[in-house]
Amino acid sequence: TADGVFEAPLMPDGAAFPRRLAGREEIRSAMAAYYEQQGEDGRT
């Protein structure tokens, strides 16, 4: 949803994977950055 929340409560603050994202646009930008940072690691 536009105001949706994606949380990974066990992630420590400052980890590469986001701990909490609020709103579709924050989810989009943070996950795009995370996926780009991960690159093609072959872990499918």
All heavy atoms as atom14 arrays in JSON, in Angstrom:
{
  "sequence": "TADGVFEAPLMPDGAAFPRRLAGREEIRSAMAAYYEQQGEDGRT",
  "atom14_mask": [
    [1, 1, 1, 1, 1, 1, 1, 0, 0, 0, 0, 0, 0, 0],
    [1, 1, 1, 1, 1, 0, 0, 0, 0, 0, 0, 0, 0, 0],
    [1, 1, 1, 1, 1, 1, 1, 1, 0, 0, 0, 0, 0, 0],
    [1, 1, 1, 1, 0, 0, 0, 0, 0, 0, 0, 0, 0, 0],
    [1, 1, 1, 1, 1, 1, 1, 0, 0, 0, 0, 0, 0, 0],
    [1, 1, 1, 1, 1, 1, 1, 1, 1, 1, 1, 0, 0, 0],
    [1, 1, 1, 1, 1, 1, 1, 1, 1, 0, 0, 0, 0, 0],
    [1, 1, 1, 1, 1, 0, 0, 0, 0, 0, 0, 0, 0, 0],
    [1, 1, 1, 1, 1, 1, 1, 0, 0, 0, 0, 0, 0, 0],
    [1, 1, 1, 1, 1, 1, 1, 1, 0, 0, 0, 0, 0, 0],
    [1, 1, 1, 1, 1, 1, 1, 1, 0, 0, 0, 0, 0, 0],
    [1, 1, 1, 1, 1, 1, 1, 0, 0, 0, 0, 0, 0, 0],
    [1, 1, 1, 1, 1, 1, 1, 1, 0, 0, 0, 0, 0, 0],
    [1, 1, 1, 1, 0, 0, 0, 0, 0, 0, 0, 0, 0, 0],
    [1, 1, 1, 1, 1, 0, 0, 0, 0, 0, 0, 0, 0, 0],
    [1, 1, 1, 1, 1, 0, 0, 0, 0, 0, 0, 0, 0, 0],
    [1, 1, 1, 1, 1, 1, 1, 1, 1, 1, 1, 0, 0, 0],
    [1, 1, 1, 1, 1, 1, 1, 0, 0, 0, 0, 0, 0, 0],
    [1, 1, 1, 1, 1, 1, 1, 1, 1, 1, 1, 0, 0, 0],
    [1, 1, 1, 1, 1, 1, 1, 1, 1, 1, 1, 0, 0, 0],
    [1, 1, 1, 1, 1, 1, 1, 1, 0, 0, 0, 0, 0, 0],
    [1, 1, 1, 1, 1, 0, 0, 0, 0, 0, 0, 0, 0, 0],
    [1, 1, 1, 1, 0, 0, 0, 0, 0, 0, 0, 0, 0, 0],
    [1, 1, 1, 1, 1, 1, 1, 1, 1, 1, 1, 0, 0, 0],
    [1, 1, 1, 1, 1, 1, 1, 1, 1, 0, 0, 0, 0, 0],
    [1, 1, 1, 1, 1, 1, 1, 1, 1, 0, 0, 0, 0, 0],
    [1, 1, 1, 1, 1, 1, 1, 1, 0, 0, 0, 0, 0, 0],
    [1, 1, 1, 1, 1, 1, 1, 1, 1, 1, 1, 0, 0, 0],
    [1, 1, 1, 1, 1, 1, 0, 0, 0, 0, 0, 0, 0, 0],
    [1, 1, 1, 1, 1, 0, 0, 0, 0, 0, 0, 0, 0, 0],
    [1, 1, 1, 1, 1, 1, 1, 1, 0, 0, 0, 0, 0, 0],
    [1, 1, 1, 1, 1, 0, 0, 0, 0, 0, 0, 0, 0, 0],
    [1, 1, 1, 1, 1, 0, 0, 0, 0, 0, 0, 0, 0, 0],
    [1, 1, 1, 1, 1, 1, 1, 1, 1, 1, 1, 1, 0, 0],
    [1, 1, 1, 1, 1, 1, 1, 1, 1, 1, 1, 1, 0, 0],
    [1, 1, 1, 1, 1, 1, 1, 1, 1, 0, 0, 0, 0, 0],
    [1, 1, 1, 1, 1, 1, 1, 1, 1, 0, 0, 0, 0, 0],
    [1, 1, 1, 1, 1, 1, 1, 1, 1, 0, 0, 0, 0, 0],
    [1, 1, 1, 1, 0, 0, 0, 0, 0, 0, 0, 0, 0, 0],
    [1, 1, 1, 1, 1, 1, 1, 1, 1, 0, 0, 0, 0, 0],
    [1, 1, 1, 1, 1, 1, 1, 1, 0, 0, 0, 0, 0, 0],
    [1, 1, 1, 1, 0, 0, 0, 0, 0, 0, 0, 0, 0, 0],
    [1, 1, 1, 1, 1, 1, 1, 1, 1, 1, 1, 0, 0, 0],
    [1, 1, 1, 1, 1, 1, 1, 0, 0, 0, 0, 0, 0, 0]
  ],
  "atom14_positions": [
    [[0.87, -1.17, 0.0], [0.0, 0.0, 0.0], [0.91, 1.23, 0.0], [2.1, 1.14, 0.32], [-0.9, 0.02, 1.25], [-0.06, 0.05, 2.42], [-1.83, -1.18, 1.3], [0.0, 0.0, 0.0], [0.0, 0.0, 0.0], [0.0, 0.0, 0.0], [0.0, 0.0, 0.0], [0.0, 0.0, 0.0], [0.0, 0.0, 0.0], [0.0, 0.0, 0.0]],
    [[0.35, 2.4, -0.34], [1.15, 3.63, -0.38], [1.83, 3.89, 0.96], [2.96, 4.4, 1.01], [0.28, 4.81, -0.79], [0.0, 0.0, 0.0], [0.0, 0.0, 0.0], [0.0, 0.0, 0.0], [0.0, 0.0, 0.0], [0.0, 0.0, 0.0], [0.0, 0.0, 0.0], [0.0, 0.0, 0.0], [0.0, 0.0, 0.0], [0.0, 0.0, 0.0]],
    [[1.17, 3.52, 2.06], [1.72, 3.73, 3.4], [2.25, 2.44, 4.02], [2.45, 2.35, 5.23], [0.67, 4.36, 4.32], [-0.54, 3.45, 4.53], [-0.73, 2.47, 3.77], [-1.31, 3.72, 5.47], [0.0, 0.0, 0.0], [0.0, 0.0, 0.0], [0.0, 0.0, 0.0], [0.0, 0.0, 0.0], [0.0, 0.0, 0.0], [0.0, 0.0, 0.0]],
    [[2.5, 1.45, 3.2], [2.96, 0.15, 3.68], [4.28, 0.22, 4.43], [5.07, 1.13, 4.24], [0.0, 0.0, 0.0], [0.0, 0.0, 0.0], [0.0, 0.0, 0.0], [0.0, 0.0, 0.0], [0.0, 0.0, 0.0], [0.0, 0.0, 0.0], [0.0, 0.0, 0.0], [0.0, 0.0, 0.0], [0.0, 0.0, 0.0], [0.0, 0.0, 0.0]],
    [[4.5, -0.77, 5.27], [5.72, -0.85, 6.08], [6.37, -2.22, 5.86], [5.7, -3.25, 5.9], [5.41, -0.66, 7.58], [6.66, -0.86, 8.44], [4.81, 0.73, 7.83], [0.0, 0.0, 0.0], [0.0, 0.0, 0.0], [0.0, 0.0, 0.0], [0.0, 0.0, 0.0], [0.0, 0.0, 0.0], [0.0, 0.0, 0.0], [0.0, 0.0, 0.0]],
    [[7.68, -2.19, 5.62], [8.47, -3.41, 5.47], [9.5, -3.39, 6.59], [10.3, -2.46, 6.7], [9.14, -3.43, 4.11], [10.06, -4.61, 3.89], [9.72, -5.89, 4.28], [11.28, -4.44, 3.26], [10.55, -6.97, 4.07], [12.14, -5.51, 3.04], [11.77, -6.77, 3.44], [0.0, 0.0, 0.0], [0.0, 0.0, 0.0], [0.0, 0.0, 0.0]],
    [[9.47, -4.42, 7.45], [10.36, -4.47, 8.6], [11.15, -5.78, 8.63], [10.62, -6.82, 8.28], [9.55, -4.39, 9.9], [8.82, -3.09, 10.09], [7.99, -3.09, 11.36], [7.11, -3.98, 11.48], [8.24, -2.24, 12.21], [0.0, 0.0, 0.0], [0.0, 0.0, 0.0], [0.0, 0.0, 0.0], [0.0, 0.0, 0.0], [0.0, 0.0, 0.0]],
    [[12.38, -5.65, 9.08], [13.23, -6.79, 9.39], [13.71, -6.58, 10.82], [14.82, -6.09, 11.06], [14.39, -6.89, 8.4], [0.0, 0.0, 0.0], [0.0, 0.0, 0.0], [0.0, 0.0, 0.0], [0.0, 0.0, 0.0], [0.0, 0.0, 0.0], [0.0, 0.0, 0.0], [0.0, 0.0, 0.0], [0.0, 0.0, 0.0], [0.0, 0.0, 0.0]],
    [[12.85, -6.88, 11.81], [13.11, -6.51, 13.2], [14.39, -7.06, 13.81], [14.9, -6.49, 14.78], [11.9, -7.07, 13.96], [10.84, -7.23, 12.93], [11.56, -7.54, 11.65], [0.0, 0.0, 0.0], [0.0, 0.0, 0.0], [0.0, 0.0, 0.0], [0.0, 0.0, 0.0], [0.0, 0.0, 0.0], [0.0, 0.0, 0.0], [0.0, 0.0, 0.0]],
    [[14.94, -8.13, 13.27], [16.15, -8.72, 13.84], [17.43, -8.08, 13.3], [18.52, -8.37, 13.81], [16.18, -10.22, 13.59], [14.99, -11.0, 14.17], [15.12, -12.49, 13.85], [14.87, -10.78, 15.67], [0.0, 0.0, 0.0], [0.0, 0.0, 0.0], [0.0, 0.0, 0.0], [0.0, 0.0, 0.0], [0.0, 0.0, 0.0], [0.0, 0.0, 0.0]],
    [[17.32, -7.21, 12.3], [18.5, -6.56, 11.72], [19.03, -5.52, 12.69], [18.27, -4.73, 13.24], [18.15, -5.88, 10.4], [17.8, -6.83, 9.28], [19.08, -8.05, 8.91], [20.41, -7.02, 8.39], [0.0, 0.0, 0.0], [0.0, 0.0, 0.0], [0.0, 0.0, 0.0], [0.0, 0.0, 0.0], [0.0, 0.0, 0.0], [0.0, 0.0, 0.0]],
    [[20.34, -5.5, 12.89], [20.92, -4.45, 13.75], [20.9, -3.1, 13.02], [20.91, -3.06, 11.78], [22.35, -4.93, 13.99], [22.65, -5.82, 12.83], [21.34, -6.45, 12.41], [0.0, 0.0, 0.0], [0.0, 0.0, 0.0], [0.0, 0.0, 0.0], [0.0, 0.0, 0.0], [0.0, 0.0, 0.0], [0.0, 0.0, 0.0], [0.0, 0.0, 0.0]],
    [[20.87, -2.04, 13.77], [20.95, -0.7, 13.17], [22.24, -0.59, 12.36], [23.28, -1.1, 12.76], [20.92, 0.38, 14.26], [19.55, 0.49, 14.92], [18.54, 0.17, 14.27], [19.51, 0.9, 16.09], [0.0, 0.0, 0.0], [0.0, 0.0, 0.0], [0.0, 0.0, 0.0], [0.0, 0.0, 0.0], [0.0, 0.0, 0.0], [0.0, 0.0, 0.0]],
    [[22.13, 0.04, 11.21], [23.31, 0.25, 10.38], [23.67, -0.9, 9.46], [24.65, -0.83, 8.73], [0.0, 0.0, 0.0], [0.0, 0.0, 0.0], [0.0, 0.0, 0.0], [0.0, 0.0, 0.0], [0.0, 0.0, 0.0], [0.0, 0.0, 0.0], [0.0, 0.0, 0.0], [0.0, 0.0, 0.0], [0.0, 0.0, 0.0], [0.0, 0.0, 0.0]],
    [[22.9, -1.96, 9.48], [23.17, -3.11, 8.61], [22.86, -2.74, 7.16], [22.1, -1.81, 6.89], [22.33, -4.31, 9.04], [0.0, 0.0, 0.0], [0.0, 0.0, 0.0], [0.0, 0.0, 0.0], [0.0, 0.0, 0.0], [0.0, 0.0, 0.0], [0.0, 0.0, 0.0], [0.0, 0.0, 0.0], [0.0, 0.0, 0.0], [0.0, 0.0, 0.0]],
    [[23.44, -3.49, 6.23], [23.2, -3.23, 4.8], [21.73, -3.44, 4.45], [21.15, -2.66, 3.68], [24.08, -4.15, 3.95], [0.0, 0.0, 0.0], [0.0, 0.0, 0.0], [0.0, 0.0, 0.0], [0.0, 0.0, 0.0], [0.0, 0.0, 0.0], [0.0, 0.0, 0.0], [0.0, 0.0, 0.0], [0.0, 0.0, 0.0], [0.0, 0.0, 0.0]],
    [[21.12, -4.46, 5.01], [19.7, -4.7, 4.76], [18.9, -3.78, 5.68], [19.15, -3.72, 6.88], [19.34, -6.17, 5.05], [18.0, -6.58, 4.52], [17.86, -7.01, 3.21], [16.87, -6.51, 5.32], [16.62, -7.39, 2.71], [15.63, -6.88, 4.83], [15.51, -7.33, 3.52], [0.0, 0.0, 0.0], [0.0, 0.0, 0.0], [0.0, 0.0, 0.0]],
    [[17.92, -3.05, 5.12], [17.18, -2.08, 5.94], [16.36, -2.75, 7.04], [15.76, -3.8, 6.84], [16.27, -1.38, 4.94], [16.4, -2.08, 3.65], [17.5, -3.08, 3.74], [0.0, 0.0, 0.0], [0.0, 0.0, 0.0], [0.0, 0.0, 0.0], [0.0, 0.0, 0.0], [0.0, 0.0, 0.0], [0.0, 0.0, 0.0], [0.0, 0.0, 0.0]],
    [[16.33, -2.12, 8.19], [15.57, -2.64, 9.33], [14.1, -2.26, 9.24], [13.22, -3.07, 9.56], [16.17, -2.1, 10.63], [15.47, -2.62, 11.85], [16.05, -2.02, 13.11], [15.22, -2.4, 14.23], [15.64, -3.05, 15.27], [16.9, -3.4, 15.37], [14.81, -3.36, 16.24], [0.0, 0.0, 0.0], [0.0, 0.0, 0.0], [0.0, 0.0, 0.0]],
    [[13.79, -1.03, 8.82], [12.4, -0.58, 8.72], [12.27, 0.44, 7.61], [13.03, 1.41, 7.55], [11.94, 0.05, 10.03], [10.46, 0.41, 10.03], [10.02, 0.95, 11.39], [8.58, 0.98, 11.51], [7.81, 1.95, 11.01], [8.34, 2.96, 10.34], [6.5, 1.91, 11.18], [0.0, 0.0, 0.0], [0.0, 0.0, 0.0], [0.0, 0.0, 0.0]],
    [[11.32, 0.18, 6.73], [11.02, 1.09, 5.63], [9.54, 1.42, 5.69], [8.71, 0.52, 5.79], [11.36, 0.45, 4.29], [12.81, -0.01, 4.12], [12.98, -0.82, 2.85], [13.75, 1.18, 4.15], [0.0, 0.0, 0.0], [0.0, 0.0, 0.0], [0.0, 0.0, 0.0], [0.0, 0.0, 0.0], [0.0, 0.0, 0.0], [0.0, 0.0, 0.0]],
    [[9.21, 2.71, 5.62], [7.82, 3.13, 5.71], [7.42, 3.87, 4.44], [8.08, 4.84, 4.05], [7.61, 4.03, 6.93], [0.0, 0.0, 0.0], [0.0, 0.0, 0.0], [0.0, 0.0, 0.0], [0.0, 0.0, 0.0], [0.0, 0.0, 0.0], [0.0, 0.0, 0.0], [0.0, 0.0, 0.0], [0.0, 0.0, 0.0], [0.0, 0.0, 0.0]],
    [[6.38, 3.4, 3.79], [5.88, 4.01, 2.57], [6.46, 3.34, 1.33], [7.61, 2.92, 1.31], [0.0, 0.0, 0.0], [0.0, 0.0, 0.0], [0.0, 0.0, 0.0], [0.0, 0.0, 0.0], [0.0, 0.0, 0.0], [0.0, 0.0, 0.0], [0.0, 0.0, 0.0], [0.0, 0.0, 0.0], [0.0, 0.0, 0.0], [0.0, 0.0, 0.0]],
    [[5.62, 3.25, 0.32], [6.01, 2.56, -0.92], [7.27, 3.16, -1.53], [8.15, 2.44, -2.02], [4.85, 2.62, -1.92], [5.1, 1.82, -3.17], [3.97, 1.96, -4.16], [2.73, 1.42, -3.63], [1.53, 1.96, -3.84], [1.41, 3.06, -4.55], [0.45, 1.4, -3.34], [0.0, 0.0, 0.0], [0.0, 0.0, 0.0], [0.0, 0.0, 0.0]],
    [[7.39, 4.48, -1.52], [8.55, 5.11, -2.17], [9.84, 4.86, -1.41], [10.89, 4.65, -2.02], [8.3, 6.61, -2.39], [7.17, 6.88, -3.38], [7.25, 6.05, -4.66], [8.34, 5.97, -5.28], [6.22, 5.45, -5.05], [0.0, 0.0, 0.0], [0.0, 0.0, 0.0], [0.0, 0.0, 0.0], [0.0, 0.0, 0.0], [0.0, 0.0, 0.0]],
    [[9.79, 4.84, -0.08], [10.98, 4.51, 0.69], [11.37, 3.04, 0.47], [12.55, 2.71, 0.36], [10.78, 4.78, 2.18], [12.03, 4.57, 2.98], [11.91, 4.94, 4.45], [10.79, 5.15, 4.96], [12.96, 5.01, 5.11], [0.0, 0.0, 0.0], [0.0, 0.0, 0.0], [0.0, 0.0, 0.0], [0.0, 0.0, 0.0], [0.0, 0.0, 0.0]],
    [[10.36, 2.17, 0.4], [10.62, 0.75, 0.12], [11.3, 0.62, -1.25], [12.31, -0.06, -1.39], [9.32, -0.07, 0.18], [8.8, -0.11, 1.63], [9.53, -1.48, -0.38], [7.38, -0.63, 1.77], [0.0, 0.0, 0.0], [0.0, 0.0, 0.0], [0.0, 0.0, 0.0], [0.0, 0.0, 0.0], [0.0, 0.0, 0.0], [0.0, 0.0, 0.0]],
    [[10.76, 1.32, -2.24], [11.32, 1.25, -3.6], [12.78, 1.72, -3.62], [13.66, 1.01, -4.12], [10.49, 2.13, -4.54], [10.93, 2.1, -5.99], [10.16, 3.08, -6.87], [8.77, 3.26, -6.54], [7.76, 2.48, -6.94], [8.01, 1.42, -7.69], [6.52, 2.75, -6.58], [0.0, 0.0, 0.0], [0.0, 0.0, 0.0], [0.0, 0.0, 0.0]],
    [[13.06, 2.89, -3.08], [14.42, 3.44, -3.18], [15.41, 2.65, -2.34], [16.53, 2.38, -2.79], [14.43, 4.92, -2.83], [14.05, 5.12, -1.49], [0.0, 0.0, 0.0], [0.0, 0.0, 0.0], [0.0, 0.0, 0.0], [0.0, 0.0, 0.0], [0.0, 0.0, 0.0], [0.0, 0.0, 0.0], [0.0, 0.0, 0.0], [0.0, 0.0, 0.0]],
    [[15.04, 2.26, -1.13], [15.97, 1.52, -0.27], [16.25, 0.13, -0.82], [17.4, -0.33, -0.78], [15.41, 1.44, 1.16], [0.0, 0.0, 0.0], [0.0, 0.0, 0.0], [0.0, 0.0, 0.0], [0.0, 0.0, 0.0], [0.0, 0.0, 0.0], [0.0, 0.0, 0.0], [0.0, 0.0, 0.0], [0.0, 0.0, 0.0], [0.0, 0.0, 0.0]],
    [[15.24, -0.54, -1.33], [15.47, -1.88, -1.86], [16.26, -1.82, -3.17], [17.1, -2.69, -3.43], [14.15, -2.64, -2.03], [13.48, -2.96, -0.69], [14.56, -3.74, 0.56], [14.86, -5.33, -0.21], [0.0, 0.0, 0.0], [0.0, 0.0, 0.0], [0.0, 0.0, 0.0], [0.0, 0.0, 0.0], [0.0, 0.0, 0.0], [0.0, 0.0, 0.0]],
    [[16.03, -0.79, -3.99], [16.82, -0.63, -5.21], [18.3, -0.46, -4.85], [19.18, -1.08, -5.46], [16.32, 0.56, -6.03], [0.0, 0.0, 0.0], [0.0, 0.0, 0.0], [0.0, 0.0, 0.0], [0.0, 0.0, 0.0], [0.0, 0.0, 0.0], [0.0, 0.0, 0.0], [0.0, 0.0, 0.0], [0.0, 0.0, 0.0], [0.0, 0.0, 0.0]],
    [[18.57, 0.37, -3.84], [19.95, 0.58, -3.39], [20.54, -0.71, -2.84], [21.7, -1.05, -3.12], [20.0, 1.69, -2.35], [0.0, 0.0, 0.0], [0.0, 0.0, 0.0], [0.0, 0.0, 0.0], [0.0, 0.0, 0.0], [0.0, 0.0, 0.0], [0.0, 0.0, 0.0], [0.0, 0.0, 0.0], [0.0, 0.0, 0.0], [0.0, 0.0, 0.0]],
    [[19.75, -1.46, -2.06], [20.24, -2.72, -1.5], [20.54, -3.73, -2.61], [21.6, -4.35, -2.62], [19.23, -3.31, -0.51], [19.67, -4.64, 0.02], [20.7, -4.73, 0.95], [19.1, -5.82, -0.45], [21.15, -5.96, 1.41], [19.54, -7.05, 0.01], [20.56, -7.11, 0.93], [21.0, -8.34, 1.38], [0.0, 0.0, 0.0], [0.0, 0.0, 0.0]],
    [[19.6, -3.87, -3.55], [19.82, -4.83, -4.64], [21.04, -4.46, -5.47], [21.82, -5.32, -5.88], [18.58, -4.91, -5.55], [17.36, -5.48, -4.89], [16.09, -5.04, -5.27], [17.42, -6.45, -3.9], [14.94, -5.55, -4.68], [16.29, -6.96, -3.29], [15.05, -6.51, -3.69], [13.91, -7.01, -3.11], [0.0, 0.0, 0.0], [0.0, 0.0, 0.0]],
    [[21.24, -3.16, -5.71], [22.4, -2.7, -6.48], [23.7, -3.0, -5.72], [24.68, -3.44, -6.3], [22.29, -1.21, -6.76], [23.41, -0.69, -7.64], [23.21, 0.77, -7.98], [22.11, 1.15, -8.38], [24.19, 1.53, -7.82], [0.0, 0.0, 0.0], [0.0, 0.0, 0.0], [0.0, 0.0, 0.0], [0.0, 0.0, 0.0], [0.0, 0.0, 0.0]],
    [[23.69, -2.77, -4.43], [24.86, -3.02, -3.59], [25.22, -4.51, -3.6], [26.39, -4.87, -3.6], [24.56, -2.57, -2.16], [25.65, -2.88, -1.17], [25.22, -2.53, 0.25], [24.13, -2.03, 0.49], [26.07, -2.82, 1.2], [0.0, 0.0, 0.0], [0.0, 0.0, 0.0], [0.0, 0.0, 0.0], [0.0, 0.0, 0.0], [0.0, 0.0, 0.0]],
    [[24.2, -5.35, -3.62], [24.45, -6.79, -3.6], [24.99, -7.3, -4.92], [25.71, -8.27, -4.96], [23.17, -7.56, -3.23], [22.69, -7.27, -1.83], [23.78, -7.48, -0.81], [24.3, -8.57, -0.67], [24.17, -6.44, -0.1], [0.0, 0.0, 0.0], [0.0, 0.0, 0.0], [0.0, 0.0, 0.0], [0.0, 0.0, 0.0], [0.0, 0.0, 0.0]],
    [[24.59, -6.65, -6.02], [25.06, -7.07, -7.33], [24.64, -8.49, -7.65], [23.71, -9.03, -7.06], [0.0, 0.0, 0.0], [0.0, 0.0, 0.0], [0.0, 0.0, 0.0], [0.0, 0.0, 0.0], [0.0, 0.0, 0.0], [0.0, 0.0, 0.0], [0.0, 0.0, 0.0], [0.0, 0.0, 0.0], [0.0, 0.0, 0.0], [0.0, 0.0, 0.0]],
    [[25.31, -9.07, -8.57], [25.02, -10.44, -8.97], [25.94, -11.38, -8.21], [27.04, -11.69, -8.64], [25.22, -10.61, -10.48], [24.13, -9.99, -11.32], [22.77, -10.61, -11.06], [22.67, -11.84, -10.9], [21.8, -9.85, -11.01], [0.0, 0.0, 0.0], [0.0, 0.0, 0.0], [0.0, 0.0, 0.0], [0.0, 0.0, 0.0], [0.0, 0.0, 0.0]],
    [[25.49, -11.8, -7.04], [26.34, -12.67, -6.22], [26.11, -14.15, -6.52], [26.73, -15.0, -5.91], [26.13, -12.39, -4.73], [24.71, -12.68, -4.27], [23.9, -13.19, -5.07], [24.41, -12.4, -3.09], [0.0, 0.0, 0.0], [0.0, 0.0, 0.0], [0.0, 0.0, 0.0], [0.0, 0.0, 0.0], [0.0, 0.0, 0.0], [0.0, 0.0, 0.0]],
    [[25.21, -14.42, -7.46], [24.97, -15.79, -7.83], [24.09, -16.55, -6.86], [23.84, -17.73, -7.03], [0.0, 0.0, 0.0], [0.0, 0.0, 0.0], [0.0, 0.0, 0.0], [0.0, 0.0, 0.0], [0.0, 0.0, 0.0], [0.0, 0.0, 0.0], [0.0, 0.0, 0.0], [0.0, 0.0, 0.0], [0.0, 0.0, 0.0], [0.0, 0.0, 0.0]],
    [[23.6, -15.87, -5.81], [22.78, -16.54, -4.8], [21.31, -16.45, -5.18], [20.56, -15.67, -4.64], [23.02, -15.91, -3.44], [24.34, -16.28, -2.84], [24.44, -15.82, -1.44], [23.28, -16.29, -0.69], [23.08, -16.07, 0.6], [23.96, -15.39, 1.28], [22.02, -16.52, 1.21], [0.0, 0.0, 0.0], [0.0, 0.0, 0.0], [0.0, 0.0, 0.0]],
    [[20.9, -17.28, -6.11], [19.5, -17.37, -6.47], [18.93, -18.61, -5.81], [19.53, -19.68, -5.87], [19.34, -17.45, -8.0], [19.93, -16.27, -8.57], [17.87, -17.5, -8.4], [0.0, 0.0, 0.0], [0.0, 0.0, 0.0], [0.0, 0.0, 0.0], [0.0, 0.0, 0.0], [0.0, 0.0, 0.0], [0.0, 0.0, 0.0], [0.0, 0.0, 0.0]]
  ]
}
